[in-house]
Amino acid sequence: MKKISFRNDVLPLKNELFRLALRITLNRAEAEDVVQETMMKVWNRRDHWDEIDSIEAFCLTICRNISLDKMKKAENQNQSLEEGHDAPDSSYTSNPEEQAMQRDRIQLIRQLINHLPEKQRSCMQLRDFEGKSYKEIAQVLGISEEQVKINIFRARQTIKQKFIETEDYGL
């Protein structure tokens, strides 16, 4: 069993934890609070680190649970993801119209992802944005690998279908 170091094994996960928390809470400030709370819980459980197979899965699970708890508490509040200004694809830099269209598409896809059910959104976040394996995702979310695959498939199909509908017919 590998000796786990907070500085070398846990702290480098903070960006990954933030992205997961942001994807669930849809609020930057909440996500930052979740990451801080996650780090504190992981630190407070340091006596049990020897029993943990994967510190990464352990941290992601805690982060997910805290995020879901916060969402349940704030269920009636209508919060949205604070949009960052993504740089458009450099191939369109000479055409402002294409840049605007690309920004609109990115914003639409973000909105579609944000409206997915939580499990589909979490599975998609961990697989497509974090690059986790199906096994790792199943471990973090506490579901079977088959359920992970089904959730990712359904999420992608929903986004694809709604994107095509919007592109063809508008909002």
N, C-alpha and C. Protein backbone atom coordinates (compact mmCIF):
# COMPACT_ATOMS: atom_id res chain seq x y z
N MET A 1 0.85 -1.18 0.00
CA MET A 1 0.00 0.00 0.00
C MET A 1 0.89 1.24 0.00
N LYS A 2 0.61 2.15 -0.87
CA LYS A 2 1.38 3.38 -1.03
C LYS A 2 1.05 4.36 0.11
N LYS A 3 2.05 5.00 0.63
CA LYS A 3 1.86 6.01 1.67
C LYS A 3 1.28 7.26 1.00
N ILE A 4 0.15 7.74 1.50
CA ILE A 4 -0.55 8.88 0.90
C ILE A 4 -0.07 10.16 1.56
N SER A 5 0.25 11.14 0.73
CA SER A 5 0.69 12.45 1.20
C SER A 5 -0.35 13.49 0.79
N PHE A 6 -0.76 14.32 1.74
CA PHE A 6 -1.76 15.34 1.44
C PHE A 6 -1.23 16.29 0.36
N ARG A 7 0.00 16.71 0.52
CA ARG A 7 0.59 17.66 -0.44
C ARG A 7 0.74 17.06 -1.84
N ASN A 8 1.20 15.83 -1.92
CA ASN A 8 1.50 15.24 -3.23
C ASN A 8 0.33 14.48 -3.86
N ASP A 9 -0.59 13.98 -3.06
CA ASP A 9 -1.67 13.14 -3.59
C ASP A 9 -3.03 13.81 -3.56
N VAL A 10 -3.30 14.64 -2.56
CA VAL A 10 -4.63 15.23 -2.41
C VAL A 10 -4.70 16.64 -3.00
N LEU A 11 -3.77 17.50 -2.65
CA LEU A 11 -3.81 18.88 -3.16
C LEU A 11 -3.84 18.99 -4.68
N PRO A 12 -3.10 18.15 -5.42
CA PRO A 12 -3.17 18.25 -6.88
C PRO A 12 -4.55 17.94 -7.46
N LEU A 13 -5.45 17.38 -6.67
CA LEU A 13 -6.80 17.05 -7.14
C LEU A 13 -7.76 18.23 -7.07
N LYS A 14 -7.31 19.36 -6.52
CA LYS A 14 -8.24 20.45 -6.27
C LYS A 14 -8.92 20.98 -7.53
N ASN A 15 -8.22 21.05 -8.65
CA ASN A 15 -8.85 21.54 -9.88
C ASN A 15 -9.90 20.55 -10.38
N GLU A 16 -9.59 19.29 -10.30
CA GLU A 16 -10.53 18.24 -10.71
C GLU A 16 -11.77 18.26 -9.81
N LEU A 17 -11.56 18.42 -8.52
CA LEU A 17 -12.66 18.50 -7.57
C LEU A 17 -13.51 19.74 -7.86
N PHE A 18 -12.85 20.84 -8.17
CA PHE A 18 -13.58 22.08 -8.48
C PHE A 18 -14.47 21.89 -9.70
N ARG A 19 -13.93 21.29 -10.75
CA ARG A 19 -14.73 21.08 -11.97
C ARG A 19 -15.94 20.19 -11.69
N LEU A 20 -15.75 19.15 -10.90
CA LEU A 20 -16.86 18.28 -10.55
C LEU A 20 -17.90 19.05 -9.74
N ALA A 21 -17.46 19.78 -8.74
CA ALA A 21 -18.38 20.55 -7.90
C ALA A 21 -19.10 21.61 -8.72
N LEU A 22 -18.40 22.25 -9.62
CA LEU A 22 -19.00 23.28 -10.48
C LEU A 22 -20.06 22.67 -11.39
N ARG A 23 -19.77 21.49 -11.91
CA ARG A 23 -20.71 20.82 -12.80
C ARG A 23 -21.99 20.44 -12.05
N ILE A 24 -21.88 20.14 -10.78
CA ILE A 24 -23.05 19.75 -9.99
C ILE A 24 -23.78 20.98 -9.44
N THR A 25 -23.04 21.92 -8.86
CA THR A 25 -23.68 23.07 -8.21
C THR A 25 -24.03 24.19 -9.18
N LEU A 26 -23.31 24.26 -10.29
CA LEU A 26 -23.52 25.30 -11.30
C LEU A 26 -23.25 26.71 -10.75
N ASN A 27 -22.39 26.79 -9.75
CA ASN A 27 -22.08 28.07 -9.13
C ASN A 27 -20.63 28.05 -8.67
N ARG A 28 -19.85 29.02 -9.14
CA ARG A 28 -18.42 29.04 -8.83
C ARG A 28 -18.14 29.16 -7.33
N ALA A 29 -18.84 30.05 -6.65
CA ALA A 29 -18.60 30.25 -5.22
C ALA A 29 -18.94 28.98 -4.44
N GLU A 30 -20.06 28.37 -4.78
CA GLU A 30 -20.46 27.11 -4.13
C GLU A 30 -19.41 26.04 -4.38
N ALA A 31 -18.95 25.95 -5.62
CA ALA A 31 -17.96 24.94 -5.98
C ALA A 31 -16.67 25.13 -5.19
N GLU A 32 -16.24 26.38 -5.01
CA GLU A 32 -15.05 26.66 -4.22
C GLU A 32 -15.25 26.22 -2.77
N ASP A 33 -16.44 26.50 -2.23
CA ASP A 33 -16.75 26.08 -0.86
C ASP A 33 -16.74 24.55 -0.75
N VAL A 34 -17.29 23.89 -1.76
CA VAL A 34 -17.33 22.43 -1.75
C VAL A 34 -15.91 21.86 -1.74
N VAL A 35 -15.03 22.42 -2.57
CA VAL A 35 -13.65 21.93 -2.62
C VAL A 35 -12.97 22.13 -1.27
N GLN A 36 -13.17 23.29 -0.67
CA GLN A 36 -12.56 23.55 0.63
C GLN A 36 -13.09 22.56 1.67
N GLU A 37 -14.38 22.35 1.68
CA GLU A 37 -14.98 21.41 2.63
C GLU A 37 -14.49 19.99 2.36
N THR A 38 -14.34 19.63 1.09
CA THR A 38 -13.83 18.31 0.72
C THR A 38 -12.42 18.13 1.27
N MET A 39 -11.57 19.12 1.06
CA MET A 39 -10.19 19.04 1.54
C MET A 39 -10.14 18.87 3.06
N MET A 40 -11.02 19.59 3.75
CA MET A 40 -11.04 19.48 5.21
C MET A 40 -11.50 18.08 5.64
N LYS A 41 -12.51 17.55 4.98
CA LYS A 41 -12.99 16.21 5.34
C LYS A 41 -11.93 15.15 5.06
N VAL A 42 -11.24 15.28 3.92
CA VAL A 42 -10.18 14.32 3.59
C VAL A 42 -9.07 14.42 4.64
N TRP A 43 -8.69 15.64 5.01
CA TRP A 43 -7.64 15.82 6.01
C TRP A 43 -8.06 15.22 7.35
N ASN A 44 -9.31 15.44 7.73
CA ASN A 44 -9.78 14.92 9.01
C ASN A 44 -9.86 13.39 9.03
N ARG A 45 -9.88 12.77 7.88
CA ARG A 45 -9.92 11.31 7.79
C ARG A 45 -8.52 10.72 7.54
N ARG A 46 -7.48 11.51 7.76
CA ARG A 46 -6.11 11.09 7.46
C ARG A 46 -5.69 9.83 8.21
N ASP A 47 -6.29 9.57 9.35
CA ASP A 47 -5.95 8.36 10.11
C ASP A 47 -6.41 7.10 9.38
N HIS A 48 -7.35 7.23 8.46
CA HIS A 48 -7.91 6.09 7.74
C HIS A 48 -7.40 5.97 6.30
N TRP A 49 -6.44 6.80 5.91
CA TRP A 49 -5.92 6.79 4.54
C TRP A 49 -5.33 5.43 4.17
N ASP A 50 -4.77 4.71 5.14
CA ASP A 50 -4.16 3.41 4.84
C ASP A 50 -5.19 2.41 4.33
N GLU A 51 -6.46 2.61 4.69
CA GLU A 51 -7.52 1.69 4.29
C GLU A 51 -8.09 2.02 2.91
N ILE A 52 -7.70 3.15 2.33
CA ILE A 52 -8.27 3.63 1.07
C ILE A 52 -7.48 3.08 -0.11
N ASP A 53 -8.20 2.48 -1.07
CA ASP A 53 -7.55 1.96 -2.28
C ASP A 53 -7.16 3.08 -3.23
N SER A 54 -8.06 4.04 -3.44
CA SER A 54 -7.80 5.14 -4.36
C SER A 54 -8.16 6.45 -3.68
N ILE A 55 -7.16 7.25 -3.37
CA ILE A 55 -7.41 8.54 -2.71
C ILE A 55 -8.18 9.46 -3.65
N GLU A 56 -7.94 9.32 -4.95
CA GLU A 56 -8.64 10.15 -5.93
C GLU A 56 -10.14 9.84 -5.92
N ALA A 57 -10.49 8.58 -5.97
CA ALA A 57 -11.90 8.19 -5.94
C ALA A 57 -12.53 8.61 -4.61
N PHE A 58 -11.78 8.48 -3.52
CA PHE A 58 -12.26 8.87 -2.20
C PHE A 58 -12.59 10.37 -2.19
N CYS A 59 -11.68 11.19 -2.70
CA CYS A 59 -11.88 12.64 -2.73
C CYS A 59 -13.05 13.03 -3.63
N LEU A 60 -13.12 12.41 -4.81
CA LEU A 60 -14.20 12.71 -5.74
C LEU A 60 -15.56 12.32 -5.16
N THR A 61 -15.62 11.22 -4.44
CA THR A 61 -16.86 10.79 -3.82
C THR A 61 -17.30 11.78 -2.75
N ILE A 62 -16.38 12.22 -1.92
CA ILE A 62 -16.70 13.21 -0.89
C ILE A 62 -17.18 14.50 -1.55
N CYS A 63 -16.47 14.93 -2.57
CA CYS A 63 -16.82 16.17 -3.29
C CYS A 63 -18.22 16.06 -3.87
N ARG A 64 -18.52 14.95 -4.50
CA ARG A 64 -19.84 14.74 -5.10
C ARG A 64 -20.92 14.78 -4.03
N ASN A 65 -20.70 14.09 -2.93
CA ASN A 65 -21.70 14.04 -1.87
C ASN A 65 -21.95 15.42 -1.24
N ILE A 66 -20.89 16.17 -1.02
CA ILE A 66 -21.04 17.52 -0.46
C ILE A 66 -21.79 18.40 -1.45
N SER A 67 -21.45 18.29 -2.73
CA SER A 67 -22.13 19.08 -3.76
C SER A 67 -23.62 18.77 -3.80
N LEU A 68 -23.95 17.49 -3.76
CA LEU A 68 -25.35 17.10 -3.80
C LEU A 68 -26.09 17.58 -2.56
N ASP A 69 -25.43 17.53 -1.40
CA ASP A 69 -26.04 18.03 -0.17
C ASP A 69 -26.34 19.52 -0.29
N LYS A 70 -25.39 20.27 -0.82
CA LYS A 70 -25.59 21.71 -0.99
C LYS A 70 -26.72 21.99 -1.98
N MET A 71 -26.82 21.19 -3.02
CA MET A 71 -27.89 21.38 -4.01
C MET A 71 -29.25 21.10 -3.39
N LYS A 72 -29.32 20.10 -2.53
CA LYS A 72 -30.59 19.79 -1.86
C LYS A 72 -31.02 20.95 -0.96
N LYS A 73 -30.05 21.56 -0.28
CA LYS A 73 -30.35 22.68 0.61
C LYS A 73 -30.81 23.91 -0.19
N ALA A 74 -30.24 24.10 -1.37
CA ALA A 74 -30.55 25.27 -2.19
C ALA A 74 -31.47 24.92 -3.35
N GLU A 75 -32.26 23.87 -3.19
CA GLU A 75 -33.07 23.34 -4.28
C GLU A 75 -34.00 24.38 -4.91
N ASN A 76 -34.56 25.26 -4.12
CA ASN A 76 -35.54 26.21 -4.64
C ASN A 76 -34.92 27.45 -5.25
N GLN A 77 -33.61 27.57 -5.13
CA GLN A 77 -32.94 28.74 -5.71
C GLN A 77 -32.57 28.43 -7.14
N ASN A 78 -32.79 29.36 -8.03
CA ASN A 78 -32.47 29.15 -9.43
C ASN A 78 -31.11 29.76 -9.72
N GLN A 79 -30.08 28.88 -9.78
CA GLN A 79 -28.72 29.35 -9.98
C GLN A 79 -28.20 28.85 -11.32
N SER A 80 -27.32 29.60 -11.94
CA SER A 80 -26.77 29.17 -13.22
C SER A 80 -25.25 29.25 -13.21
N LEU A 81 -24.64 28.51 -14.10
CA LEU A 81 -23.19 28.49 -14.23
C LEU A 81 -22.68 29.85 -14.66
N GLU A 82 -21.72 30.37 -13.93
CA GLU A 82 -21.12 31.64 -14.34
C GLU A 82 -20.30 31.37 -15.58
N GLU A 83 -20.69 31.99 -16.66
CA GLU A 83 -20.03 31.73 -17.93
C GLU A 83 -18.68 32.43 -17.99
N GLY A 84 -17.69 31.68 -18.38
CA GLY A 84 -16.38 32.28 -18.63
C GLY A 84 -16.33 32.65 -20.10
N HIS A 85 -15.46 33.52 -20.46
CA HIS A 85 -15.33 33.89 -21.86
C HIS A 85 -14.31 32.98 -22.51
N ASP A 86 -14.80 32.00 -23.25
CA ASP A 86 -13.90 31.08 -23.93
C ASP A 86 -13.35 31.73 -25.19
N ALA A 87 -12.09 31.51 -25.41
CA ALA A 87 -11.50 32.02 -26.64
C ALA A 87 -12.01 31.19 -27.80
N PRO A 88 -12.51 31.82 -28.83
CA PRO A 88 -13.00 31.05 -29.96
C PRO A 88 -11.86 30.34 -30.68
N ASP A 89 -12.22 29.36 -31.45
CA ASP A 89 -11.27 28.60 -32.25
C ASP A 89 -10.47 29.56 -33.12
N SER A 90 -9.16 29.40 -33.12
CA SER A 90 -8.30 30.34 -33.85
C SER A 90 -8.55 30.32 -35.36
N SER A 91 -9.17 29.27 -35.88
CA SER A 91 -9.43 29.21 -37.32
C SER A 91 -10.48 30.24 -37.73
N TYR A 92 -11.21 30.79 -36.75
CA TYR A 92 -12.25 31.77 -37.06
C TYR A 92 -11.85 33.19 -36.67
N THR A 93 -10.61 33.40 -36.31
CA THR A 93 -10.20 34.69 -35.77
C THR A 93 -10.41 35.83 -36.76
N SER A 94 -10.40 35.56 -38.03
CA SER A 94 -10.56 36.64 -38.99
C SER A 94 -12.03 36.94 -39.27
N ASN A 95 -12.95 36.11 -38.76
CA ASN A 95 -14.36 36.29 -39.06
C ASN A 95 -15.17 36.46 -37.77
N PRO A 96 -15.52 37.69 -37.41
CA PRO A 96 -16.27 37.93 -36.17
C PRO A 96 -17.62 37.22 -36.14
N GLU A 97 -18.25 37.06 -37.28
CA GLU A 97 -19.54 36.37 -37.31
C GLU A 97 -19.38 34.91 -36.89
N GLU A 98 -18.34 34.26 -37.39
CA GLU A 98 -18.09 32.86 -37.02
C GLU A 98 -17.71 32.75 -35.55
N GLN A 99 -16.95 33.73 -35.04
CA GLN A 99 -16.59 33.74 -33.62
C GLN A 99 -17.85 33.81 -32.76
N ALA A 100 -18.77 34.70 -33.13
CA ALA A 100 -20.00 34.85 -32.37
C ALA A 100 -20.84 33.57 -32.44
N MET A 101 -20.90 32.96 -33.60
CA MET A 101 -21.67 31.73 -33.74
C MET A 101 -21.07 30.61 -32.89
N GLN A 102 -19.75 30.54 -32.87
CA GLN A 102 -19.09 29.50 -32.07
C GLN A 102 -19.32 29.74 -30.58
N ARG A 103 -19.25 30.99 -30.12
CA ARG A 103 -19.54 31.29 -28.72
C ARG A 103 -20.97 30.90 -28.37
N ASP A 104 -21.91 31.18 -29.27
CA ASP A 104 -23.31 30.81 -29.04
C ASP A 104 -23.48 29.30 -28.95
N ARG A 105 -22.78 28.55 -29.79
CA ARG A 105 -22.86 27.09 -29.75
C ARG A 105 -22.30 26.55 -28.43
N ILE A 106 -21.18 27.10 -28.00
CA ILE A 106 -20.58 26.67 -26.73
C ILE A 106 -21.54 26.96 -25.58
N GLN A 107 -22.13 28.14 -25.59
CA GLN A 107 -23.09 28.50 -24.54
C GLN A 107 -24.30 27.57 -24.57
N LEU A 108 -24.79 27.24 -25.76
CA LEU A 108 -25.93 26.33 -25.89
C LEU A 108 -25.58 24.95 -25.33
N ILE A 109 -24.40 24.45 -25.67
CA ILE A 109 -24.01 23.12 -25.18
C ILE A 109 -23.87 23.14 -23.66
N ARG A 110 -23.32 24.20 -23.10
CA ARG A 110 -23.24 24.32 -21.64
C ARG A 110 -24.63 24.28 -21.02
N GLN A 111 -25.56 25.02 -21.62
CA GLN A 111 -26.93 25.03 -21.09
C GLN A 111 -27.54 23.64 -21.17
N LEU A 112 -27.33 22.96 -22.29
CA LEU A 112 -27.88 21.61 -22.45
C LEU A 112 -27.29 20.66 -21.40
N ILE A 113 -25.99 20.76 -21.17
CA ILE A 113 -25.34 19.91 -20.16
C ILE A 113 -25.89 20.24 -18.78
N ASN A 114 -26.08 21.52 -18.49
CA ASN A 114 -26.57 21.94 -17.18
C ASN A 114 -27.99 21.45 -16.90
N HIS A 115 -28.75 21.19 -17.95
CA HIS A 115 -30.14 20.74 -17.77
C HIS A 115 -30.27 19.22 -17.76
N LEU A 116 -29.16 18.52 -17.88
CA LEU A 116 -29.21 17.06 -17.78
C LEU A 116 -29.50 16.65 -16.34
N PRO A 117 -30.06 15.46 -16.14
CA PRO A 117 -30.20 14.94 -14.77
C PRO A 117 -28.81 14.82 -14.13
N GLU A 118 -28.77 14.94 -12.82
CA GLU A 118 -27.49 15.00 -12.10
C GLU A 118 -26.57 13.82 -12.40
N LYS A 119 -27.10 12.61 -12.40
CA LYS A 119 -26.24 11.44 -12.63
C LYS A 119 -25.64 11.46 -14.03
N GLN A 120 -26.44 11.83 -15.03
CA GLN A 120 -25.93 11.91 -16.40
C GLN A 120 -24.87 13.00 -16.49
N ARG A 121 -25.14 14.14 -15.87
CA ARG A 121 -24.19 15.26 -15.90
C ARG A 121 -22.89 14.87 -15.23
N SER A 122 -22.96 14.19 -14.08
CA SER A 122 -21.75 13.78 -13.36
C SER A 122 -20.96 12.75 -14.16
N CYS A 123 -21.65 11.76 -14.72
CA CYS A 123 -20.98 10.74 -15.53
C CYS A 123 -20.27 11.38 -16.72
N MET A 124 -20.98 12.27 -17.39
CA MET A 124 -20.41 12.93 -18.57
C MET A 124 -19.22 13.80 -18.18
N GLN A 125 -19.34 14.52 -17.08
CA GLN A 125 -18.24 15.37 -16.60
C GLN A 125 -16.99 14.53 -16.34
N LEU A 126 -17.18 13.45 -15.60
CA LEU A 126 -16.03 12.63 -15.23
C LEU A 126 -15.42 11.92 -16.43
N ARG A 127 -16.23 11.49 -17.38
CA ARG A 127 -15.72 10.75 -18.54
C ARG A 127 -15.16 11.70 -19.61
N ASP A 128 -15.98 12.65 -20.05
CA ASP A 128 -15.60 13.47 -21.21
C ASP A 128 -14.69 14.64 -20.86
N PHE A 129 -14.81 15.18 -19.66
CA PHE A 129 -14.01 16.35 -19.30
C PHE A 129 -12.83 15.99 -18.41
N GLU A 130 -12.99 14.97 -17.57
CA GLU A 130 -11.93 14.57 -16.66
C GLU A 130 -11.14 13.37 -17.18
N GLY A 131 -11.69 12.64 -18.17
CA GLY A 131 -10.99 11.51 -18.75
C GLY A 131 -10.93 10.28 -17.87
N LYS A 132 -11.87 10.13 -16.96
CA LYS A 132 -11.89 8.97 -16.06
C LYS A 132 -12.40 7.73 -16.79
N SER A 133 -11.98 6.57 -16.33
CA SER A 133 -12.45 5.31 -16.90
C SER A 133 -13.84 5.00 -16.35
N TYR A 134 -14.54 4.09 -17.01
CA TYR A 134 -15.88 3.70 -16.54
C TYR A 134 -15.80 3.13 -15.13
N LYS A 135 -14.75 2.37 -14.87
CA LYS A 135 -14.58 1.76 -13.55
C LYS A 135 -14.39 2.82 -12.48
N GLU A 136 -13.58 3.84 -12.77
CA GLU A 136 -13.35 4.91 -11.80
C GLU A 136 -14.63 5.70 -11.54
N ILE A 137 -15.37 5.97 -12.60
CA ILE A 137 -16.63 6.71 -12.46
C ILE A 137 -17.61 5.91 -11.62
N ALA A 138 -17.71 4.62 -11.90
CA ALA A 138 -18.61 3.75 -11.13
C ALA A 138 -18.24 3.77 -9.65
N GLN A 139 -16.95 3.75 -9.37
CA GLN A 139 -16.48 3.77 -7.98
C GLN A 139 -16.83 5.10 -7.32
N VAL A 140 -16.62 6.20 -8.01
CA VAL A 140 -16.90 7.52 -7.45
C VAL A 140 -18.39 7.71 -7.20
N LEU A 141 -19.22 7.30 -8.16
CA LEU A 141 -20.66 7.55 -8.06
C LEU A 141 -21.41 6.45 -7.33
N GLY A 142 -20.74 5.34 -7.08
CA GLY A 142 -21.38 4.25 -6.36
C GLY A 142 -22.44 3.53 -7.18
N ILE A 143 -22.18 3.41 -8.50
CA ILE A 143 -23.09 2.70 -9.39
C ILE A 143 -22.28 1.70 -10.20
N SER A 144 -22.95 0.85 -10.97
CA SER A 144 -22.24 -0.15 -11.77
C SER A 144 -21.65 0.50 -13.02
N GLU A 145 -20.67 -0.17 -13.61
CA GLU A 145 -20.07 0.33 -14.85
C GLU A 145 -21.11 0.39 -15.96
N GLU A 146 -22.01 -0.57 -15.96
CA GLU A 146 -23.08 -0.58 -16.98
C GLU A 146 -23.97 0.65 -16.84
N GLN A 147 -24.28 1.03 -15.61
CA GLN A 147 -25.09 2.24 -15.39
C GLN A 147 -24.33 3.49 -15.83
N VAL A 148 -23.03 3.50 -15.63
CA VAL A 148 -22.21 4.63 -16.09
C VAL A 148 -22.32 4.75 -17.61
N LYS A 149 -22.15 3.64 -18.31
CA LYS A 149 -22.23 3.65 -19.78
C LYS A 149 -23.60 4.12 -20.25
N ILE A 150 -24.65 3.64 -19.60
CA ILE A 150 -26.01 4.02 -19.98
C ILE A 150 -26.22 5.52 -19.75
N ASN A 151 -25.77 6.02 -18.61
CA ASN A 151 -25.93 7.45 -18.31
C ASN A 151 -25.18 8.33 -19.30
N ILE A 152 -23.96 7.92 -19.66
CA ILE A 152 -23.18 8.70 -20.63
C ILE A 152 -23.84 8.66 -22.00
N PHE A 153 -24.30 7.49 -22.42
CA PHE A 153 -24.97 7.35 -23.70
C PHE A 153 -26.21 8.24 -23.75
N ARG A 154 -27.03 8.17 -22.72
CA ARG A 154 -28.26 8.98 -22.69
C ARG A 154 -27.95 10.47 -22.66
N ALA A 155 -26.93 10.86 -21.92
CA ALA A 155 -26.56 12.27 -21.86
C ALA A 155 -26.12 12.77 -23.23
N ARG A 156 -25.26 12.01 -23.89
CA ARG A 156 -24.78 12.41 -25.22
C ARG A 156 -25.92 12.46 -26.23
N GLN A 157 -26.82 11.47 -26.17
CA GLN A 157 -27.96 11.44 -27.09
C GLN A 157 -28.87 12.65 -26.86
N THR A 158 -29.12 12.96 -25.62
CA THR A 158 -29.99 14.10 -25.29
C THR A 158 -29.38 15.40 -25.79
N ILE A 159 -28.11 15.59 -25.52
CA ILE A 159 -27.44 16.82 -25.95
C ILE A 159 -27.43 16.90 -27.48
N LYS A 160 -27.10 15.80 -28.13
CA LYS A 160 -27.06 15.78 -29.60
C LYS A 160 -28.44 16.12 -30.18
N GLN A 161 -29.47 15.47 -29.68
CA GLN A 161 -30.82 15.68 -30.18
C GLN A 161 -31.28 17.13 -29.97
N LYS A 162 -31.07 17.65 -28.75
CA LYS A 162 -31.51 19.02 -28.46
C LYS A 162 -30.68 20.05 -29.20
N PHE A 163 -29.39 19.76 -29.41
CA PHE A 163 -28.54 20.68 -30.17
C PHE A 163 -29.02 20.75 -31.61
N ILE A 164 -29.30 19.60 -32.20
CA ILE A 164 -29.77 19.58 -33.60
C ILE A 164 -31.11 20.29 -33.71
N GLU A 165 -32.02 20.04 -32.77
CA GLU A 165 -33.31 20.72 -32.79
C GLU A 165 -33.14 22.23 -32.72
N THR A 166 -32.27 22.67 -31.82
CA THR A 166 -32.05 24.12 -31.65
C THR A 166 -31.38 24.72 -32.88
N GLU A 167 -30.39 24.03 -33.43
CA GLU A 167 -29.71 24.53 -34.63
C GLU A 167 -30.66 24.59 -35.82
N ASP A 168 -31.57 23.61 -35.93
CA ASP A 168 -32.50 23.59 -37.05
C ASP A 168 -33.64 24.57 -36.90
N TYR A 169 -34.14 24.72 -35.67
CA TYR A 169 -35.36 25.50 -35.47
C TYR A 169 -35.19 26.71 -34.58
N GLY A 170 -34.06 26.85 -33.94
CA GLY A 170 -33.85 27.94 -33.01
C GLY A 170 -34.48 27.67 -31.67
N LEU A 171 -34.27 28.58 -30.75
CA LEU A 171 -34.83 28.40 -29.41
C LEU A 171 -36.27 28.69 -29.49
